[in-house]
Amino acid sequence: MSTLKLTAIGTSTGVVIPKEMLNRMKVSRGDTLFVSETPGGYLVTPYDPAVAAQVEAGRHFMKDYRDTFKALAE
């Protein structure tokens, strides 16, 4: 478990994320992180849940039309 420190940034409050944690999430300065509230607390992730749902819908669509995509690839 890691701890994060809150710090003042002008009139706002920010959080300092250690470099090792950023490397493990494969993000860097300027990237966007997404925060979701879960029953166990908050989840911070670099992956947009809306995009994940769209990718899953695409996979389902491709599975349903597998034969069509195979014919198009020939």
PDB file of N, CA and C in Angstrom:
ATOM      1  N   MET A   1       0.853  -1.171   0.000  1.00  0.00           N
ATOM      2  CA  MET A   1       0.000   0.000   0.000  1.00  0.00           C
ATOM      3  C   MET A   1       0.898   1.232   0.000  1.00  0.00           C
ATOM      4  N   SER A   2       0.492   2.228  -0.765  1.00  0.00           N
ATOM      5  CA  SER A   2       1.220   3.484  -0.830  1.00  0.00           C
ATOM      6  C   SER A   2       0.371   4.591  -0.235  1.00  0.00           C
ATOM      7  N   THR A   3       1.018   5.635   0.188  1.00  0.00           N
ATOM      8  CA  THR A   3       0.303   6.805   0.689  1.00  0.00           C
ATOM      9  C   THR A   3       0.605   7.982  -0.230  1.00  0.00           C
ATOM     10  N   LEU A   4      -0.361   8.858  -0.369  1.00  0.00           N
ATOM     11  CA  LEU A   4      -0.209  10.047  -1.191  1.00  0.00           C
ATOM     12  C   LEU A   4      -0.373  11.270  -0.314  1.00  0.00           C
ATOM     13  N   LYS A   5       0.387  12.296  -0.607  1.00  0.00           N
ATOM     14  CA  LYS A   5       0.340  13.514   0.199  1.00  0.00           C
ATOM     15  C   LYS A   5      -0.418  14.609  -0.545  1.00  0.00           C
ATOM     16  N   LEU A   6      -1.355  15.230   0.158  1.00  0.00           N
ATOM     17  CA  LEU A   6      -2.075  16.372  -0.395  1.00  0.00           C
ATOM     18  C   LEU A   6      -1.231  17.609  -0.201  1.00  0.00           C
ATOM     19  N   THR A   7      -1.232  18.483  -1.191  1.00  0.00           N
ATOM     20  CA  THR A   7      -0.427  19.693  -1.128  1.00  0.00           C
ATOM     21  C   THR A   7      -1.202  20.862  -1.738  1.00  0.00           C
ATOM     22  N   ALA A   8      -0.896  22.049  -1.299  1.00  0.00           N
ATOM     23  CA  ALA A   8      -1.548  23.248  -1.828  1.00  0.00           C
ATOM     24  C   ALA A   8      -0.947  23.600  -3.181  1.00  0.00           C
ATOM     25  N   ILE A   9      -1.830  23.871  -4.143  1.00  0.00           N
ATOM     26  CA  ILE A   9      -1.426  24.334  -5.469  1.00  0.00           C
ATOM     27  C   ILE A   9      -2.254  25.575  -5.749  1.00  0.00           C
ATOM     28  N   GLY A  10      -1.695  26.735  -5.473  1.00  0.00           N
ATOM     29  CA  GLY A  10      -2.454  27.976  -5.575  1.00  0.00           C
ATOM     30  C   GLY A  10      -3.575  27.948  -4.559  1.00  0.00           C
ATOM     31  N   THR A  11      -4.803  28.119  -5.017  1.00  0.00           N
ATOM     32  CA  THR A  11      -5.948  28.064  -4.112  1.00  0.00           C
ATOM     33  C   THR A  11      -6.625  26.696  -4.137  1.00  0.00           C
ATOM     34  N   SER A  12      -6.010  25.734  -4.846  1.00  0.00           N
ATOM     35  CA  SER A  12      -6.554  24.380  -4.941  1.00  0.00           C
ATOM     36  C   SER A  12      -5.707  23.409  -4.123  1.00  0.00           C
ATOM     37  N   THR A  13      -6.136  22.170  -4.098  1.00  0.00           N
ATOM     38  CA  THR A  13      -5.388  21.113  -3.436  1.00  0.00           C
ATOM     39  C   THR A  13      -5.051  20.051  -4.466  1.00  0.00           C
ATOM     40  N   GLY A  14      -3.788  19.608  -4.457  1.00  0.00           N
ATOM     41  CA  GLY A  14      -3.339  18.575  -5.387  1.00  0.00           C
ATOM     42  C   GLY A  14      -2.778  17.401  -4.627  1.00  0.00           C
ATOM     43  N   VAL A  15      -2.458  16.357  -5.343  1.00  0.00           N
ATOM     44  CA  VAL A  15      -1.886  15.167  -4.739  1.00  0.00           C
ATOM     45  C   VAL A  15      -0.562  14.869  -5.439  1.00  0.00           C
ATOM     46  N   VAL A  16       0.429  14.476  -4.673  1.00  0.00           N
ATOM     47  CA  VAL A  16       1.730  14.121  -5.214  1.00  0.00           C
ATOM     48  C   VAL A  16       1.753  12.603  -5.397  1.00  0.00           C
ATOM     49  N   ILE A  17       1.968  12.168  -6.639  1.00  0.00           N
ATOM     50  CA  ILE A  17       2.021  10.738  -6.946  1.00  0.00           C
ATOM     51  C   ILE A  17       3.479  10.370  -7.194  1.00  0.00           C
ATOM     52  N   PRO A  18       3.997   9.403  -6.452  1.00  0.00           N
ATOM     53  CA  PRO A  18       5.405   9.021  -6.610  1.00  0.00           C
ATOM     54  C   PRO A  18       5.713   8.528  -8.026  1.00  0.00           C
ATOM     55  N   LYS A  19       6.950   8.759  -8.457  1.00  0.00           N
ATOM     56  CA  LYS A  19       7.394   8.394  -9.793  1.00  0.00           C
ATOM     57  C   LYS A  19       7.199   6.904 -10.067  1.00  0.00           C
ATOM     58  N   GLU A  20       7.472   6.059  -9.084  1.00  0.00           N
ATOM     59  CA  GLU A  20       7.325   4.619  -9.269  1.00  0.00           C
ATOM     60  C   GLU A  20       5.871   4.251  -9.583  1.00  0.00           C
ATOM     61  N   MET A  21       4.940   4.908  -8.907  1.00  0.00           N
ATOM     62  CA  MET A  21       3.522   4.644  -9.133  1.00  0.00           C
ATOM     63  C   MET A  21       3.119   5.103 -10.540  1.00  0.00           C
ATOM     64  N   LEU A  22       3.614   6.246 -10.962  1.00  0.00           N
ATOM     65  CA  LEU A  22       3.322   6.739 -12.312  1.00  0.00           C
ATOM     66  C   LEU A  22       3.870   5.778 -13.365  1.00  0.00           C
ATOM     67  N   ASN A  23       5.081   5.266 -13.131  1.00  0.00           N
ATOM     68  CA  ASN A  23       5.680   4.318 -14.068  1.00  0.00           C
ATOM     69  C   ASN A  23       4.856   3.044 -14.168  1.00  0.00           C
ATOM     70  N   ARG A  24       4.367   2.541 -13.048  1.00  0.00           N
ATOM     71  CA  ARG A  24       3.570   1.309 -13.058  1.00  0.00           C
ATOM     72  C   ARG A  24       2.233   1.512 -13.772  1.00  0.00           C
ATOM     73  N   MET A  25       1.671   2.727 -13.677  1.00  0.00           N
ATOM     74  CA  MET A  25       0.418   3.028 -14.380  1.00  0.00           C
ATOM     75  C   MET A  25       0.670   3.428 -15.836  1.00  0.00           C
ATOM     76  N   LYS A  26       1.957   3.585 -16.199  1.00  0.00           N
ATOM     77  CA  LYS A  26       2.359   3.995 -17.549  1.00  0.00           C
ATOM     78  C   LYS A  26       1.760   5.348 -17.928  1.00  0.00           C
ATOM     79  N   VAL A  27       1.855   6.298 -17.005  1.00  0.00           N
ATOM     80  CA  VAL A  27       1.393   7.662 -17.249  1.00  0.00           C
ATOM     81  C   VAL A  27       2.518   8.631 -16.926  1.00  0.00           C
ATOM     82  N   SER A  28       2.389   9.842 -17.418  1.00  0.00           N
ATOM     83  CA  SER A  28       3.369  10.877 -17.131  1.00  0.00           C
ATOM     84  C   SER A  28       2.651  12.222 -17.014  1.00  0.00           C
ATOM     85  N   ARG A  29       3.393  13.247 -16.728  1.00  0.00           N
ATOM     86  CA  ARG A  29       2.833  14.584 -16.542  1.00  0.00           C
ATOM     87  C   ARG A  29       2.004  14.972 -17.760  1.00  0.00           C
ATOM     88  N   GLY A  30       0.801  15.458 -17.517  1.00  0.00           N
ATOM     89  CA  GLY A  30      -0.096  15.891 -18.586  1.00  0.00           C
ATOM     90  C   GLY A  30      -1.132  14.851 -18.984  1.00  0.00           C
ATOM     91  N   ASP A  31      -0.921  13.576 -18.596  1.00  0.00           N
ATOM     92  CA  ASP A  31      -1.906  12.540 -18.891  1.00  0.00           C
ATOM     93  C   ASP A  31      -3.124  12.708 -17.995  1.00  0.00           C
ATOM     94  N   THR A  32      -4.210  12.046 -18.355  1.00  0.00           N
ATOM     95  CA  THR A  32      -5.442  12.110 -17.582  1.00  0.00           C
ATOM     96  C   THR A  32      -5.639  10.824 -16.810  1.00  0.00           C
ATOM     97  N   LEU A  33      -5.999  10.944 -15.538  1.00  0.00           N
ATOM     98  CA  LEU A  33      -6.361   9.798 -14.711  1.00  0.00           C
ATOM     99  C   LEU A  33      -7.852   9.871 -14.438  1.00  0.00           C
ATOM    100  N   PHE A  34      -8.491   8.730 -14.320  1.00  0.00           N
ATOM    101  CA  PHE A  34      -9.920   8.661 -14.077  1.00  0.00           C
ATOM    102  C   PHE A  34     -10.153   8.105 -12.677  1.00  0.00           C
ATOM    103  N   VAL A  35     -11.101   8.683 -11.972  1.00  0.00           N
ATOM    104  CA  VAL A  35     -11.403   8.276 -10.598  1.00  0.00           C
ATOM    105  C   VAL A  35     -12.835   7.752 -10.566  1.00  0.00           C
ATOM    106  N   SER A  36     -12.987   6.534 -10.047  1.00  0.00           N
ATOM    107  CA  SER A  36     -14.306   5.931  -9.895  1.00  0.00           C
ATOM    108  C   SER A  36     -14.529   5.611  -8.433  1.00  0.00           C
ATOM    109  N   GLU A  37     -15.735   5.872  -7.969  1.00  0.00           N
ATOM    110  CA  GLU A  37     -16.075   5.520  -6.594  1.00  0.00           C
ATOM    111  C   GLU A  37     -16.530   4.065  -6.570  1.00  0.00           C
ATOM    112  N   THR A  38     -15.951   3.275  -5.680  1.00  0.00           N
ATOM    113  CA  THR A  38     -16.297   1.863  -5.530  1.00  0.00           C
ATOM    114  C   THR A  38     -16.763   1.634  -4.099  1.00  0.00           C
ATOM    115  N   PRO A  39     -17.363   0.483  -3.814  1.00  0.00           N
ATOM    116  CA  PRO A  39     -17.782   0.210  -2.436  1.00  0.00           C
ATOM    117  C   PRO A  39     -16.614   0.227  -1.444  1.00  0.00           C
ATOM    118  N   GLY A  40     -15.400  -0.083  -1.931  1.00  0.00           N
ATOM    119  CA  GLY A  40     -14.235  -0.111  -1.049  1.00  0.00           C
ATOM    120  C   GLY A  40     -13.473   1.194  -0.992  1.00  0.00           C
ATOM    121  N   GLY A  41     -13.895   2.208  -1.707  1.00  0.00           N
ATOM    122  CA  GLY A  41     -13.186   3.492  -1.732  1.00  0.00           C
ATOM    123  C   GLY A  41     -13.162   4.043  -3.141  1.00  0.00           C
ATOM    124  N   TYR A  42     -12.044   4.651  -3.502  1.00  0.00           N
ATOM    125  CA  TYR A  42     -11.908   5.243  -4.825  1.00  0.00           C
ATOM    126  C   TYR A  42     -10.869   4.484  -5.630  1.00  0.00           C
ATOM    127  N   LEU A  43     -11.098   4.338  -6.936  1.00  0.00           N
ATOM    128  CA  LEU A  43     -10.187   3.679  -7.847  1.00  0.00           C
ATOM    129  C   LEU A  43      -9.635   4.738  -8.794  1.00  0.00           C
ATOM    130  N   VAL A  44      -8.313   4.864  -8.834  1.00  0.00           N
ATOM    131  CA  VAL A  44      -7.644   5.798  -9.740  1.00  0.00           C
ATOM    132  C   VAL A  44      -6.992   4.973 -10.836  1.00  0.00           C
ATOM    133  N   THR A  45      -7.344   5.260 -12.088  1.00  0.00           N
ATOM    134  CA  THR A  45      -6.850   4.469 -13.209  1.00  0.00           C
ATOM    135  C   THR A  45      -6.605   5.356 -14.422  1.00  0.00           C
ATOM    136  N   PRO A  46      -5.659   4.971 -15.284  1.00  0.00           N
ATOM    137  CA  PRO A  46      -5.461   5.727 -16.516  1.00  0.00           C
ATOM    138  C   PRO A  46      -6.443   5.328 -17.614  1.00  0.00           C
ATOM    139  N   TYR A  47      -7.271   4.316 -17.365  1.00  0.00           N
ATOM    140  CA  TYR A  47      -8.191   3.808 -18.379  1.00  0.00           C
ATOM    141  C   TYR A  47      -9.586   4.385 -18.190  1.00  0.00           C
ATOM    142  N   ASP A  48     -10.123   4.942 -19.263  1.00  0.00           N
ATOM    143  CA  ASP A  48     -11.455   5.542 -19.246  1.00  0.00           C
ATOM    144  C   ASP A  48     -12.508   4.429 -19.280  1.00  0.00           C
ATOM    145  N   PRO A  49     -13.356   4.331 -18.252  1.00  0.00           N
ATOM    146  CA  PRO A  49     -14.372   3.276 -18.231  1.00  0.00           C
ATOM    147  C   PRO A  49     -15.313   3.329 -19.440  1.00  0.00           C
ATOM    148  N   ALA A  50     -15.594   4.512 -19.969  1.00  0.00           N
ATOM    149  CA  ALA A  50     -16.473   4.634 -21.135  1.00  0.00           C
ATOM    150  C   ALA A  50     -15.816   3.995 -22.360  1.00  0.00           C
ATOM    151  N   VAL A  51     -14.514   4.194 -22.516  1.00  0.00           N
ATOM    152  CA  VAL A  51     -13.807   3.595 -23.648  1.00  0.00           C
ATOM    153  C   VAL A  51     -13.752   2.083 -23.482  1.00  0.00           C
ATOM    154  N   ALA A  52     -13.556   1.612 -22.261  1.00  0.00           N
ATOM    155  CA  ALA A  52     -13.532   0.168 -22.007  1.00  0.00           C
ATOM    156  C   ALA A  52     -14.860  -0.472 -22.408  1.00  0.00           C
ATOM    157  N   ALA A  53     -15.959   0.191 -22.125  1.00  0.00           N
ATOM    158  CA  ALA A  53     -17.275  -0.322 -22.507  1.00  0.00           C
ATOM    159  C   ALA A  53     -17.423  -0.351 -24.029  1.00  0.00           C
ATOM    160  N   GLN A  54     -16.898   0.665 -24.705  1.00  0.00           N
ATOM    161  CA  GLN A  54     -16.974   0.706 -26.163  1.00  0.00           C
ATOM    162  C   GLN A  54     -16.129  -0.401 -26.786  1.00  0.00           C
ATOM    163  N   VAL A  55     -14.949  -0.646 -26.220  1.00  0.00           N
ATOM    164  CA  VAL A  55     -14.094  -1.718 -26.727  1.00  0.00           C
ATOM    165  C   VAL A  55     -14.785  -3.073 -26.551  1.00  0.00           C
ATOM    166  N   GLU A  56     -15.404  -3.271 -25.405  1.00  0.00           N
ATOM    167  CA  GLU A  56     -16.117  -4.529 -25.166  1.00  0.00           C
ATOM    168  C   GLU A  56     -17.280  -4.692 -26.151  1.00  0.00           C
ATOM    169  N   ALA A  57     -17.994  -3.618 -26.428  1.00  0.00           N
ATOM    170  CA  ALA A  57     -19.086  -3.683 -27.410  1.00  0.00           C
ATOM    171  C   ALA A  57     -18.533  -4.020 -28.792  1.00  0.00           C
ATOM    172  N   GLY A  58     -17.384  -3.455 -29.148  1.00  0.00           N
ATOM    173  CA  GLY A  58     -16.743  -3.761 -30.429  1.00  0.00           C
ATOM    174  C   GLY A  58     -16.344  -5.221 -30.526  1.00  0.00           C
ATOM    175  N   ARG A  59     -15.804  -5.759 -29.436  1.00  0.00           N
ATOM    176  CA  ARG A  59     -15.428  -7.178 -29.431  1.00  0.00           C
ATOM    177  C   ARG A  59     -16.653  -8.071 -29.617  1.00  0.00           C
ATOM    178  N   HIS A  60     -17.730  -7.713 -28.950  1.00  0.00           N
ATOM    179  CA  HIS A  60     -18.970  -8.480 -29.073  1.00  0.00           C
ATOM    180  C   HIS A  60     -19.485  -8.427 -30.521  1.00  0.00           C
ATOM    181  N   PHE A  61     -19.453  -7.231 -31.111  1.00  0.00           N
ATOM    182  CA  PHE A  61     -19.890  -7.046 -32.495  1.00  0.00           C
ATOM    183  C   PHE A  61     -19.043  -7.880 -33.450  1.00  0.00           C
ATOM    184  N   MET A  62     -17.719  -7.849 -33.253  1.00  0.00           N
ATOM    185  CA  MET A  62     -16.818  -8.601 -34.127  1.00  0.00           C
ATOM    186  C   MET A  62     -17.032 -10.107 -33.982  1.00  0.00           C
ATOM    187  N   LYS A  63     -17.347 -10.541 -32.778  1.00  0.00           N
ATOM    188  CA  LYS A  63     -17.610 -11.963 -32.554  1.00  0.00           C
ATOM    189  C   LYS A  63     -18.888 -12.381 -33.287  1.00  0.00           C
ATOM    190  N   ASP A  64     -19.914 -11.524 -33.212  1.00  0.00           N
ATOM    191  CA  ASP A  64     -21.184 -11.832 -33.877  1.00  0.00           C
ATOM    192  C   ASP A  64     -21.035 -11.894 -35.403  1.00  0.00           C
ATOM    193  N   TYR A  65     -20.154 -11.088 -35.956  1.00  0.00           N
ATOM    194  CA  TYR A  65     -19.982 -11.001 -37.403  1.00  0.00           C
ATOM    195  C   TYR A  65     -18.615 -11.523 -37.845  1.00  0.00           C
ATOM    196  N   ARG A  66     -18.112 -12.522 -37.143  1.00  0.00           N
ATOM    197  CA  ARG A  66     -16.797 -13.096 -37.422  1.00  0.00           C
ATOM    198  C   ARG A  66     -16.691 -13.568 -38.872  1.00  0.00           C
ATOM    199  N   ASP A  67     -17.709 -14.273 -39.379  1.00  0.00           N
ATOM    200  CA  ASP A  67     -17.667 -14.788 -40.750  1.00  0.00           C
ATOM    201  C   ASP A  67     -17.624 -13.657 -41.777  1.00  0.00           C
ATOM    202  N   THR A  68     -18.347 -12.600 -41.517  1.00  0.00           N
ATOM    203  CA  THR A  68     -18.350 -11.453 -42.424  1.00  0.00           C
ATOM    204  C   THR A  68     -16.979 -10.809 -42.474  1.00  0.00           C
ATOM    205  N   PHE A  69     -16.354 -10.610 -41.318  1.00  0.00           N
ATOM    206  CA  PHE A  69     -15.020 -10.009 -41.275  1.00  0.00           C
ATOM    207  C   PHE A  69     -13.991 -10.911 -41.942  1.00  0.00           C
ATOM    208  N   LYS A  70     -14.134 -12.225 -41.793  1.00  0.00           N
ATOM    209  CA  LYS A  70     -13.229 -13.175 -42.441  1.00  0.00           C
ATOM    210  C   LYS A  70     -13.352 -13.070 -43.957  1.00  0.00           C
ATOM    211  N   ALA A  71     -14.592 -12.977 -44.453  1.00  0.00           N
ATOM    212  CA  ALA A  71     -14.804 -12.844 -45.902  1.00  0.00           C
ATOM    213  C   ALA A  71     -14.244 -11.524 -46.426  1.00  0.00           C
ATOM    214  N   LEU A  72     -14.391 -10.470 -45.663  1.00  0.00           N
ATOM    215  CA  LEU A  72     -13.866  -9.163 -46.083  1.00  0.00           C
ATOM    216  C   LEU A  72     -12.341  -9.163 -46.107  1.00  0.00           C
ATOM    217  N   ALA A  73     -11.723  -9.945 -45.251  1.00  0.00           N
ATOM    218  CA  ALA A  73     -10.266  -9.972 -45.175  1.00  0.00           C
ATOM    219  C   ALA A  73      -9.634 -10.707 -46.344  1.00  0.00           C
ATOM    220  N   GLU A  74     -10.415 -11.518 -47.041  1.00  0.00           N
ATOM    221  CA  GLU A  74      -9.867 -12.299 -48.160  1.00  0.00           C
ATOM    222  C   GLU A  74      -9.705 -11.500 -49.419  1.00  0.00           C
TER     223      GLU A  74
END
